[in-house]
Amino acid sequence: MLVRISQGIYLYPMRNRFGILKPSIDDIAVAIAQKDKAGIIPSGLTALNKLALSTQVTMNAVYLTDATAREIKIGNRTIVLKQLPLFHLRRQMLFSAMTMSR
C-alpha cells in the first residue's frame, strides 16, 4: 500500500503496533534531493537543531539547494528549499563538513 505524503511524494509505510511510521522531515528532504539529483544542506535553525546546538524544532525546515527553489507542505510542516548557485553551495557544504567534524 502506498501512502501519499505530498504532491509527487509517496512512501511504502513501515508499521508498528501503534500504526504507520512516517519518515522524518530530514529523510524526506534527502529523498527529494536524491530524486532531483541535487545537493542540499540545512540552513538556519534546522542546521542548529541537527548540530544539537538548539532544542527548537522548526515548523519550516529550511535547506539550501542547487535545484529549483520551492516549498513542500507535509501535514502541518513545510520543507523550504532555497536556491543557491552551485559554487556557493559547495563552499557551504565544505564549511558544514568542517563544522561537523570538530
PDB file of N, CA and C in Angstrom:
ATOM      1  N   MET A   1       0.836  -1.173   0.000  1.00  0.00           N
ATOM      2  CA  MET A   1       0.000   0.000   0.000  1.00  0.00           C
ATOM      3  C   MET A   1       0.890   1.249   0.000  1.00  0.00           C
ATOM      4  N   LEU A   2       0.642   2.150  -0.900  1.00  0.00           N
ATOM      5  CA  LEU A   2       1.373   3.411  -0.975  1.00  0.00           C
ATOM      6  C   LEU A   2       0.620   4.481  -0.200  1.00  0.00           C
ATOM      7  N   VAL A   3       1.382   5.337   0.474  1.00  0.00           N
ATOM      8  CA  VAL A   3       0.792   6.461   1.202  1.00  0.00           C
ATOM      9  C   VAL A   3       1.326   7.743   0.591  1.00  0.00           C
ATOM     10  N   ARG A   4       0.447   8.666   0.286  1.00  0.00           N
ATOM     11  CA  ARG A   4       0.852   9.950  -0.292  1.00  0.00           C
ATOM     12  C   ARG A   4       1.243  10.891   0.834  1.00  0.00           C
ATOM     13  N   ILE A   5       2.472  11.414   0.777  1.00  0.00           N
ATOM     14  CA  ILE A   5       2.930  12.386   1.764  1.00  0.00           C
ATOM     15  C   ILE A   5       2.614  13.789   1.284  1.00  0.00           C
ATOM     16  N   SER A   6       2.962  14.070   0.034  1.00  0.00           N
ATOM     17  CA  SER A   6       2.719  15.366  -0.578  1.00  0.00           C
ATOM     18  C   SER A   6       2.585  15.124  -2.081  1.00  0.00           C
ATOM     19  N   GLN A   7       2.344  16.171  -2.833  1.00  0.00           N
ATOM     20  CA  GLN A   7       2.192  16.019  -4.271  1.00  0.00           C
ATOM     21  C   GLN A   7       3.475  15.459  -4.883  1.00  0.00           C
ATOM     22  N   GLY A   8       3.382  14.277  -5.478  1.00  0.00           N
ATOM     23  CA  GLY A   8       4.526  13.649  -6.123  1.00  0.00           C
ATOM     24  C   GLY A   8       5.452  12.919  -5.179  1.00  0.00           C
ATOM     25  N   ILE A   9       5.122  12.844  -3.889  1.00  0.00           N
ATOM     26  CA  ILE A   9       5.979  12.184  -2.907  1.00  0.00           C
ATOM     27  C   ILE A   9       5.158  11.102  -2.214  1.00  0.00           C
ATOM     28  N   TYR A  10       5.590   9.850  -2.405  1.00  0.00           N
ATOM     29  CA  TYR A  10       4.893   8.702  -1.848  1.00  0.00           C
ATOM     30  C   TYR A  10       5.871   7.835  -1.076  1.00  0.00           C
ATOM     31  N   LEU A  11       5.348   6.977  -0.197  1.00  0.00           N
ATOM     32  CA  LEU A  11       6.210   6.064   0.526  1.00  0.00           C
ATOM     33  C   LEU A  11       5.494   4.758   0.797  1.00  0.00           C
ATOM     34  N   TYR A  12       6.300   3.712   0.946  1.00  0.00           N
ATOM     35  CA  TYR A  12       5.783   2.446   1.433  1.00  0.00           C
ATOM     36  C   TYR A  12       5.896   2.514   2.948  1.00  0.00           C
ATOM     37  N   PRO A  13       4.781   2.536   3.659  1.00  0.00           N
ATOM     38  CA  PRO A  13       4.851   2.764   5.101  1.00  0.00           C
ATOM     39  C   PRO A  13       5.380   1.554   5.876  1.00  0.00           C
ATOM     40  N   MET A  14       6.122   1.867   6.911  1.00  0.00           N
ATOM     41  CA  MET A  14       6.514   0.851   7.880  1.00  0.00           C
ATOM     42  C   MET A  14       5.470   0.900   8.985  1.00  0.00           C
ATOM     43  N   ARG A  15       5.125  -0.239   9.487  1.00  0.00           N
ATOM     44  CA  ARG A  15       4.090  -0.299  10.521  1.00  0.00           C
ATOM     45  C   ARG A  15       4.673  -0.853  11.809  1.00  0.00           C
ATOM     46  N   ASN A  16       4.132  -0.367  12.903  1.00  0.00           N
ATOM     47  CA  ASN A  16       4.409  -0.959  14.199  1.00  0.00           C
ATOM     48  C   ASN A  16       3.084  -1.148  14.906  1.00  0.00           C
ATOM     49  N   ARG A  17       3.093  -1.471  16.163  1.00  0.00           N
ATOM     50  CA  ARG A  17       1.825  -1.755  16.843  1.00  0.00           C
ATOM     51  C   ARG A  17       0.969  -0.516  17.049  1.00  0.00           C
ATOM     52  N   PHE A  18       1.560   0.685  16.870  1.00  0.00           N
ATOM     53  CA  PHE A  18       0.813   1.927  17.044  1.00  0.00           C
ATOM     54  C   PHE A  18       0.265   2.488  15.739  1.00  0.00           C
ATOM     55  N   GLY A  19       0.655   1.924  14.608  1.00  0.00           N
ATOM     56  CA  GLY A  19       0.168   2.407  13.321  1.00  0.00           C
ATOM     57  C   GLY A  19       1.297   2.597  12.327  1.00  0.00           C
ATOM     58  N   ILE A  20       1.144   3.571  11.442  1.00  0.00           N
ATOM     59  CA  ILE A  20       2.114   3.832  10.381  1.00  0.00           C
ATOM     60  C   ILE A  20       3.230   4.732  10.901  1.00  0.00           C
ATOM     61  N   LEU A  21       4.471   4.353  10.626  1.00  0.00           N
ATOM     62  CA  LEU A  21       5.624   5.176  10.964  1.00  0.00           C
ATOM     63  C   LEU A  21       5.976   6.034   9.754  1.00  0.00           C
ATOM     64  N   LYS A  22       5.945   7.336   9.926  1.00  0.00           N
ATOM     65  CA  LYS A  22       6.309   8.237   8.835  1.00  0.00           C
ATOM     66  C   LYS A  22       7.768   8.645   9.000  1.00  0.00           C
ATOM     67  N   PRO A  23       8.459   8.905   7.888  1.00  0.00           N
ATOM     68  CA  PRO A  23       9.859   9.336   7.978  1.00  0.00           C
ATOM     69  C   PRO A  23       9.951  10.760   8.517  1.00  0.00           C
ATOM     70  N   SER A  24      11.142  11.113   8.987  1.00  0.00           N
ATOM     71  CA  SER A  24      11.351  12.467   9.487  1.00  0.00           C
ATOM     72  C   SER A  24      11.409  13.452   8.322  1.00  0.00           C
ATOM     73  N   ILE A  25      11.290  14.717   8.642  1.00  0.00           N
ATOM     74  CA  ILE A  25      11.372  15.768   7.622  1.00  0.00           C
ATOM     75  C   ILE A  25      12.740  15.733   6.940  1.00  0.00           C
ATOM     76  N   ASP A  26      13.796  15.452   7.706  1.00  0.00           N
ATOM     77  CA  ASP A  26      15.139  15.370   7.128  1.00  0.00           C
ATOM     78  C   ASP A  26      15.233  14.237   6.108  1.00  0.00           C
ATOM     79  N   ASP A  27      14.668  13.086   6.436  1.00  0.00           N
ATOM     80  CA  ASP A  27      14.692  11.960   5.496  1.00  0.00           C
ATOM     81  C   ASP A  27      13.935  12.293   4.212  1.00  0.00           C
ATOM     82  N   ILE A  28      12.832  12.985   4.340  1.00  0.00           N
ATOM     83  CA  ILE A  28      12.050  13.373   3.167  1.00  0.00           C
ATOM     84  C   ILE A  28      12.830  14.373   2.316  1.00  0.00           C
ATOM     85  N   ALA A  29      13.499  15.339   2.950  1.00  0.00           N
ATOM     86  CA  ALA A  29      14.292  16.328   2.208  1.00  0.00           C
ATOM     87  C   ALA A  29      15.436  15.654   1.461  1.00  0.00           C
ATOM     88  N   VAL A  30      16.090  14.682   2.089  1.00  0.00           N
ATOM     89  CA  VAL A  30      17.184  13.960   1.428  1.00  0.00           C
ATOM     90  C   VAL A  30      16.653  13.153   0.248  1.00  0.00           C
ATOM     91  N   ALA A  31      15.489  12.526   0.409  1.00  0.00           N
ATOM     92  CA  ALA A  31      14.899  11.753  -0.690  1.00  0.00           C
ATOM     93  C   ALA A  31      14.537  12.659  -1.870  1.00  0.00           C
ATOM     94  N   ILE A  32      14.020  13.857  -1.577  1.00  0.00           N
ATOM     95  CA  ILE A  32      13.691  14.805  -2.644  1.00  0.00           C
ATOM     96  C   ILE A  32      14.961  15.240  -3.375  1.00  0.00           C
ATOM     97  N   ALA A  33      16.035  15.487  -2.622  1.00  0.00           N
ATOM     98  CA  ALA A  33      17.301  15.890  -3.239  1.00  0.00           C
ATOM     99  C   ALA A  33      17.865  14.773  -4.106  1.00  0.00           C
ATOM    100  N   GLN A  34      17.755  13.527  -3.650  1.00  0.00           N
ATOM    101  CA  GLN A  34      18.241  12.407  -4.462  1.00  0.00           C
ATOM    102  C   GLN A  34      17.415  12.272  -5.732  1.00  0.00           C
ATOM    103  N   LYS A  35      16.108  12.469  -5.621  1.00  0.00           N
ATOM    104  CA  LYS A  35      15.239  12.379  -6.809  1.00  0.00           C
ATOM    105  C   LYS A  35      15.598  13.466  -7.820  1.00  0.00           C
ATOM    106  N   ASP A  36      15.895  14.686  -7.323  1.00  0.00           N
ATOM    107  CA  ASP A  36      16.230  15.808  -8.200  1.00  0.00           C
ATOM    108  C   ASP A  36      17.702  15.831  -8.596  1.00  0.00           C
ATOM    109  N   LYS A  37      18.496  14.899  -8.048  1.00  0.00           N
ATOM    110  CA  LYS A  37      19.949  14.860  -8.262  1.00  0.00           C
ATOM    111  C   LYS A  37      20.569  16.203  -7.905  1.00  0.00           C
ATOM    112  N   ALA A  38      20.223  16.685  -6.720  1.00  0.00           N
ATOM    113  CA  ALA A  38      20.692  17.982  -6.242  1.00  0.00           C
ATOM    114  C   ALA A  38      21.342  17.817  -4.883  1.00  0.00           C
ATOM    115  N   GLY A  39      22.160  18.773  -4.537  1.00  0.00           N
ATOM    116  CA  GLY A  39      22.757  18.798  -3.210  1.00  0.00           C
ATOM    117  C   GLY A  39      21.935  19.689  -2.293  1.00  0.00           C
ATOM    118  N   ILE A  40      21.830  19.308  -1.032  1.00  0.00           N
ATOM    119  CA  ILE A  40      21.140  20.153  -0.058  1.00  0.00           C
ATOM    120  C   ILE A  40      21.953  20.187   1.221  1.00  0.00           C
ATOM    121  N   ILE A  41      21.854  21.295   1.925  1.00  0.00           N
ATOM    122  CA  ILE A  41      22.400  21.404   3.274  1.00  0.00           C
ATOM    123  C   ILE A  41      21.393  22.181   4.114  1.00  0.00           C
ATOM    124  N   PRO A  42      21.272  21.816   5.381  1.00  0.00           N
ATOM    125  CA  PRO A  42      20.325  22.536   6.247  1.00  0.00           C
ATOM    126  C   PRO A  42      20.802  23.954   6.503  1.00  0.00           C
ATOM    127  N   SER A  43      19.856  24.840   6.747  1.00  0.00           N
ATOM    128  CA  SER A  43      20.162  26.244   6.977  1.00  0.00           C
ATOM    129  C   SER A  43      19.400  26.742   8.197  1.00  0.00           C
ATOM    130  N   GLY A  44      19.919  27.752   8.841  1.00  0.00           N
ATOM    131  CA  GLY A  44      19.225  28.401   9.948  1.00  0.00           C
ATOM    132  C   GLY A  44      19.013  27.490  11.142  1.00  0.00           C
ATOM    133  N   LEU A  45      17.815  27.552  11.717  1.00  0.00           N
ATOM    134  CA  LEU A  45      17.507  26.764  12.905  1.00  0.00           C
ATOM    135  C   LEU A  45      17.518  25.268  12.629  1.00  0.00           C
ATOM    136  N   THR A  46      17.247  24.880  11.395  1.00  0.00           N
ATOM    137  CA  THR A  46      17.320  23.466  11.040  1.00  0.00           C
ATOM    138  C   THR A  46      18.745  22.955  11.216  1.00  0.00           C
ATOM    139  N   ALA A  47      19.723  23.740  10.786  1.00  0.00           N
ATOM    140  CA  ALA A  47      21.123  23.353  10.939  1.00  0.00           C
ATOM    141  C   ALA A  47      21.515  23.312  12.411  1.00  0.00           C
ATOM    142  N   LEU A  48      21.085  24.299  13.173  1.00  0.00           N
ATOM    143  CA  LEU A  48      21.409  24.312  14.601  1.00  0.00           C
ATOM    144  C   LEU A  48      20.825  23.101  15.318  1.00  0.00           C
ATOM    145  N   ASN A  49      19.612  22.717  14.946  1.00  0.00           N
ATOM    146  CA  ASN A  49      18.987  21.553  15.564  1.00  0.00           C
ATOM    147  C   ASN A  49      19.727  20.276  15.197  1.00  0.00           C
ATOM    148  N   LYS A  50      20.146  20.138  13.939  1.00  0.00           N
ATOM    149  CA  LYS A  50      20.872  18.940  13.523  1.00  0.00           C
ATOM    150  C   LYS A  50      22.240  18.844  14.177  1.00  0.00           C
ATOM    151  N   LEU A  51      22.862  19.992  14.482  1.00  0.00           N
ATOM    152  CA  LEU A  51      24.156  20.001  15.159  1.00  0.00           C
ATOM    153  C   LEU A  51      24.018  19.890  16.675  1.00  0.00           C
ATOM    154  N   ALA A  52      22.796  19.790  17.171  1.00  0.00           N
ATOM    155  CA  ALA A  52      22.481  19.690  18.600  1.00  0.00           C
ATOM    156  C   ALA A  52      22.897  20.948  19.359  1.00  0.00           C
ATOM    157  N   LEU A  53      22.869  22.092  18.690  1.00  0.00           N
ATOM    158  CA  LEU A  53      23.162  23.360  19.347  1.00  0.00           C
ATOM    159  C   LEU A  53      21.882  24.045  19.813  1.00  0.00           C
ATOM    160  N   SER A  54      20.744  23.519  19.403  1.00  0.00           N
ATOM    161  CA  SER A  54      19.458  24.078  19.775  1.00  0.00           C
ATOM    162  C   SER A  54      18.467  22.933  19.929  1.00  0.00           C
ATOM    163  N   THR A  55      17.521  23.104  20.842  1.00  0.00           N
ATOM    164  CA  THR A  55      16.486  22.082  21.024  1.00  0.00           C
ATOM    165  C   THR A  55      15.196  22.465  20.312  1.00  0.00           C
ATOM    166  N   GLN A  56      15.187  23.628  19.674  1.00  0.00           N
ATOM    167  CA  GLN A  56      13.988  24.065  18.954  1.00  0.00           C
ATOM    168  C   GLN A  56      13.812  23.253  17.678  1.00  0.00           C
ATOM    169  N   VAL A  57      12.592  22.807  17.447  1.00  0.00           N
ATOM    170  CA  VAL A  57      12.255  22.120  16.205  1.00  0.00           C
ATOM    171  C   VAL A  57      11.367  23.076  15.418  1.00  0.00           C
ATOM    172  N   THR A  58      11.829  23.454  14.242  1.00  0.00           N
ATOM    173  CA  THR A  58      11.102  24.445  13.460  1.00  0.00           C
ATOM    174  C   THR A  58       9.947  23.810  12.703  1.00  0.00           C
ATOM    175  N   MET A  59       8.927  24.595  12.458  1.00  0.00           N
ATOM    176  CA  MET A  59       7.809  24.134  11.635  1.00  0.00           C
ATOM    177  C   MET A  59       8.184  24.176  10.163  1.00  0.00           C
ATOM    178  N   ASN A  60       9.100  25.080   9.801  1.00  0.00           N
ATOM    179  CA  ASN A  60       9.580  25.199   8.427  1.00  0.00           C
ATOM    180  C   ASN A  60      11.041  24.774   8.396  1.00  0.00           C
ATOM    181  N   ALA A  61      11.311  23.592   7.864  1.00  0.00           N
ATOM    182  CA  ALA A  61      12.689  23.124   7.721  1.00  0.00           C
ATOM    183  C   ALA A  61      13.268  23.785   6.473  1.00  0.00           C
ATOM    184  N   VAL A  62      14.349  24.547   6.641  1.00  0.00           N
ATOM    185  CA  VAL A  62      14.926  25.313   5.536  1.00  0.00           C
ATOM    186  C   VAL A  62      16.226  24.646   5.090  1.00  0.00           C
ATOM    187  N   TYR A  63      16.328  24.395   3.784  1.00  0.00           N
ATOM    188  CA  TYR A  63      17.515  23.793   3.193  1.00  0.00           C
ATOM    189  C   TYR A  63      17.975  24.642   2.023  1.00  0.00           C
ATOM    190  N   LEU A  64      19.295  24.725   1.845  1.00  0.00           N
ATOM    191  CA  LEU A  64      19.883  25.388   0.682  1.00  0.00           C
ATOM    192  C   LEU A  64      20.126  24.317  -0.377  1.00  0.00           C
ATOM    193  N   THR A  65      19.814  24.619  -1.625  1.00  0.00           N
ATOM    194  CA  THR A  65      19.938  23.642  -2.690  1.00  0.00           C
ATOM    195  C   THR A  65      20.405  24.298  -3.984  1.00  0.00           C
ATOM    196  N   ASP A  66      20.929  23.474  -4.885  1.00  0.00           N
ATOM    197  CA  ASP A  66      21.279  23.993  -6.208  1.00  0.00           C
ATOM    198  C   ASP A  66      20.185  23.670  -7.224  1.00  0.00           C
ATOM    199  N   ALA A  67      19.091  23.078  -6.772  1.00  0.00           N
ATOM    200  CA  ALA A  67      17.938  22.795  -7.635  1.00  0.00           C
ATOM    201  C   ALA A  67      16.942  23.955  -7.544  1.00  0.00           C
ATOM    202  N   THR A  68      15.754  23.734  -8.044  1.00  0.00           N
ATOM    203  CA  THR A  68      14.723  24.754  -8.055  1.00  0.00           C
ATOM    204  C   THR A  68      14.250  25.072  -6.643  1.00  0.00           C
ATOM    205  N   ALA A  69      14.080  26.351  -6.354  1.00  0.00           N
ATOM    206  CA  ALA A  69      13.543  26.766  -5.056  1.00  0.00           C
ATOM    207  C   ALA A  69      12.055  26.450  -5.008  1.00  0.00           C
ATOM    208  N   ARG A  70      11.612  25.895  -3.886  1.00  0.00           N
ATOM    209  CA  ARG A  70      10.188  25.574  -3.736  1.00  0.00           C
ATOM    210  C   ARG A  70       9.858  25.291  -2.281  1.00  0.00           C
ATOM    211  N   GLU A  71       8.573  25.230  -2.010  1.00  0.00           N
ATOM    212  CA  GLU A  71       8.076  24.878  -0.686  1.00  0.00           C
ATOM    213  C   GLU A  71       7.229  23.623  -0.822  1.00  0.00           C
ATOM    214  N   ILE A  72       7.441  22.676   0.074  1.00  0.00           N
ATOM    215  CA  ILE A  72       6.703  21.423   0.049  1.00  0.00           C
ATOM    216  C   ILE A  72       5.989  21.272   1.381  1.00  0.00           C
ATOM    217  N   LYS A  73       4.666  21.212   1.353  1.00  0.00           N
ATOM    218  CA  LYS A  73       3.866  21.060   2.571  1.00  0.00           C
ATOM    219  C   LYS A  73       3.688  19.580   2.865  1.00  0.00           C
ATOM    220  N   ILE A  74       3.993  19.215   4.099  1.00  0.00           N
ATOM    221  CA  ILE A  74       3.815  17.852   4.568  1.00  0.00           C
ATOM    222  C   ILE A  74       3.064  17.928   5.883  1.00  0.00           C
ATOM    223  N   GLY A  75       1.783  17.674   5.821  1.00  0.00           N
ATOM    224  CA  GLY A  75       0.953  17.822   7.018  1.00  0.00           C
ATOM    225  C   GLY A  75       0.924  19.282   7.437  1.00  0.00           C
ATOM    226  N   ASN A  76       1.299  19.550   8.690  1.00  0.00           N
ATOM    227  CA  ASN A  76       1.344  20.933   9.169  1.00  0.00           C
ATOM    228  C   ASN A  76       2.754  21.506   9.141  1.00  0.00           C
ATOM    229  N   ARG A  77       3.713  20.776   8.575  1.00  0.00           N
ATOM    230  CA  ARG A  77       5.090  21.255   8.461  1.00  0.00           C
ATOM    231  C   ARG A  77       5.411  21.570   7.008  1.00  0.00           C
ATOM    232  N   THR A  78       6.486  22.321   6.811  1.00  0.00           N
ATOM    233  CA  THR A  78       6.874  22.737   5.470  1.00  0.00           C
ATOM    234  C   THR A  78       8.373  22.550   5.288  1.00  0.00           C
ATOM    235  N   ILE A  79       8.758  22.040   4.132  1.00  0.00           N
ATOM    236  CA  ILE A  79      10.165  21.991   3.741  1.00  0.00           C
ATOM    237  C   ILE A  79      10.375  23.123   2.745  1.00  0.00           C
ATOM    238  N   VAL A  80      11.278  24.051   3.071  1.00  0.00           N
ATOM    239  CA  VAL A  80      11.571  25.187   2.204  1.00  0.00           C
ATOM    240  C   VAL A  80      12.942  24.939   1.577  1.00  0.00           C
ATOM    241  N   LEU A  81      12.979  24.877   0.255  1.00  0.00           N
ATOM    242  CA  LEU A  81      14.233  24.724  -0.480  1.00  0.00           C
ATOM    243  C   LEU A  81      14.573  26.066  -1.106  1.00  0.00           C
ATOM    244  N   LYS A  82      15.696  26.657  -0.668  1.00  0.00           N
ATOM    245  CA  LYS A  82      16.146  27.939  -1.213  1.00  0.00           C
ATOM    246  C   LYS A  82      17.293  27.685  -2.166  1.00  0.00           C
ATOM    247  N   GLN A  83      17.219  28.303  -3.329  1.00  0.00           N
ATOM    248  CA  GLN A  83      18.221  28.073  -4.366  1.00  0.00           C
ATOM    249  C   GLN A  83      19.464  28.920  -4.132  1.00  0.00           C
ATOM    250  N   LEU A  84      20.620  28.278  -4.314  1.00  0.00           N
ATOM    251  CA  LEU A  84      21.918  28.946  -4.290  1.00  0.00           C
ATOM    252  C   LEU A  84      22.686  28.527  -5.535  1.00  0.00           C
ATOM    253  N   PRO A  85      23.547  29.378  -6.049  1.00  0.00           N
ATOM    254  CA  PRO A  85      24.417  28.931  -7.143  1.00  0.00           C
ATOM    255  C   PRO A  85      25.308  27.787  -6.666  1.00  0.00           C
ATOM    256  N   LEU A  86      25.690  26.919  -7.577  1.00  0.00           N
ATOM    257  CA  LEU A  86      26.422  25.711  -7.232  1.00  0.00           C
ATOM    258  C   LEU A  86      27.725  26.011  -6.490  1.00  0.00           C
ATOM    259  N   PHE A  87      28.469  27.039  -6.899  1.00  0.00           N
ATOM    260  CA  PHE A  87      29.749  27.312  -6.247  1.00  0.00           C
ATOM    261  C   PHE A  87      29.548  27.787  -4.809  1.00  0.00           C
ATOM    262  N   HIS A  88      28.462  28.511  -4.534  1.00  0.00           N
ATOM    263  CA  HIS A  88      28.162  28.904  -3.158  1.00  0.00           C
ATOM    264  C   HIS A  88      27.773  27.685  -2.327  1.00  0.00           C
ATOM    265  N   LEU A  89      27.003  26.789  -2.922  1.00  0.00           N
ATOM    266  CA  LEU A  89      26.559  25.598  -2.206  1.00  0.00           C
ATOM    267  C   LEU A  89      27.743  24.704  -1.850  1.00  0.00           C
ATOM    268  N   ARG A  90      28.686  24.549  -2.772  1.00  0.00           N
ATOM    269  CA  ARG A  90      29.871  23.728  -2.486  1.00  0.00           C
ATOM    270  C   ARG A  90      30.685  24.324  -1.347  1.00  0.00           C
ATOM    271  N   ARG A  91      30.806  25.656  -1.334  1.00  0.00           N
ATOM    272  CA  ARG A  91      31.538  26.310  -0.244  1.00  0.00           C
ATOM    273  C   ARG A  91      30.822  26.086   1.089  1.00  0.00           C
ATOM    274  N   GLN A  92      29.493  26.185   1.082  1.00  0.00           N
ATOM    275  CA  GLN A  92      28.717  25.959   2.297  1.00  0.00           C
ATOM    276  C   GLN A  92      28.839  24.504   2.756  1.00  0.00           C
ATOM    277  N   MET A  93      28.840  23.556   1.801  1.00  0.00           N
ATOM    278  CA  MET A  93      28.985  22.141   2.155  1.00  0.00           C
ATOM    279  C   MET A  93      30.345  21.882   2.797  1.00  0.00           C
ATOM    280  N   LEU A  94      31.389  22.509   2.268  1.00  0.00           N
ATOM    281  CA  LEU A  94      32.718  22.357   2.833  1.00  0.00           C
ATOM    282  C   LEU A  94      32.758  22.914   4.246  1.00  0.00           C
ATOM    283  N   PHE A  95      32.170  24.084   4.444  1.00  0.00           N
ATOM    284  CA  PHE A  95      32.138  24.697   5.773  1.00  0.00           C
ATOM    285  C   PHE A  95      31.356  23.851   6.761  1.00  0.00           C
ATOM    286  N   SER A  96      30.201  23.312   6.329  1.00  0.00           N
ATOM    287  CA  SER A  96      29.386  22.500   7.246  1.00  0.00           C
ATOM    288  C   SER A  96      30.096  21.179   7.550  1.00  0.00           C
ATOM    289  N   ALA A  97      30.819  20.624   6.593  1.00  0.00           N
ATOM    290  CA  ALA A  97      31.567  19.390   6.854  1.00  0.00           C
ATOM    291  C   ALA A  97      32.672  19.639   7.873  1.00  0.00           C
ATOM    292  N   MET A  98      33.364  20.796   7.766  1.00  0.00           N
ATOM    293  CA  MET A  98      34.409  21.127   8.734  1.00  0.00           C
ATOM    294  C   MET A  98      33.810  21.351  10.109  1.00  0.00           C
ATOM    295  N   THR A  99      32.624  21.958  10.181  1.00  0.00           N
ATOM    296  CA  THR A  99      31.977  22.222  11.461  1.00  0.00           C
ATOM    297  C   THR A  99      31.546  20.930  12.122  1.00  0.00           C
ATOM    298  N   MET A 100      30.994  20.004  11.354  1.00  0.00           N
ATOM    299  CA  MET A 100      30.505  18.747  11.926  1.00  0.00           C
ATOM    300  C   MET A 100      31.633  17.825  12.334  1.00  0.00           C
ATOM    301  N   SER A 101      32.821  17.957  11.739  1.00  0.00           N
ATOM    302  CA  SER A 101      33.927  17.061  12.060  1.00  0.00           C
ATOM    303  C   SER A 101      34.616  17.449  13.364  1.00  0.00           C
ATOM    304  N   ARG A 102      34.360  18.635  13.882  1.00  0.00           N
ATOM    305  CA  ARG A 102      35.021  19.072  15.125  1.00  0.00           C
ATOM    306  C   ARG A 102      34.303  18.605  16.327  1.00  0.00           C
TER     307      ARG A 102
END
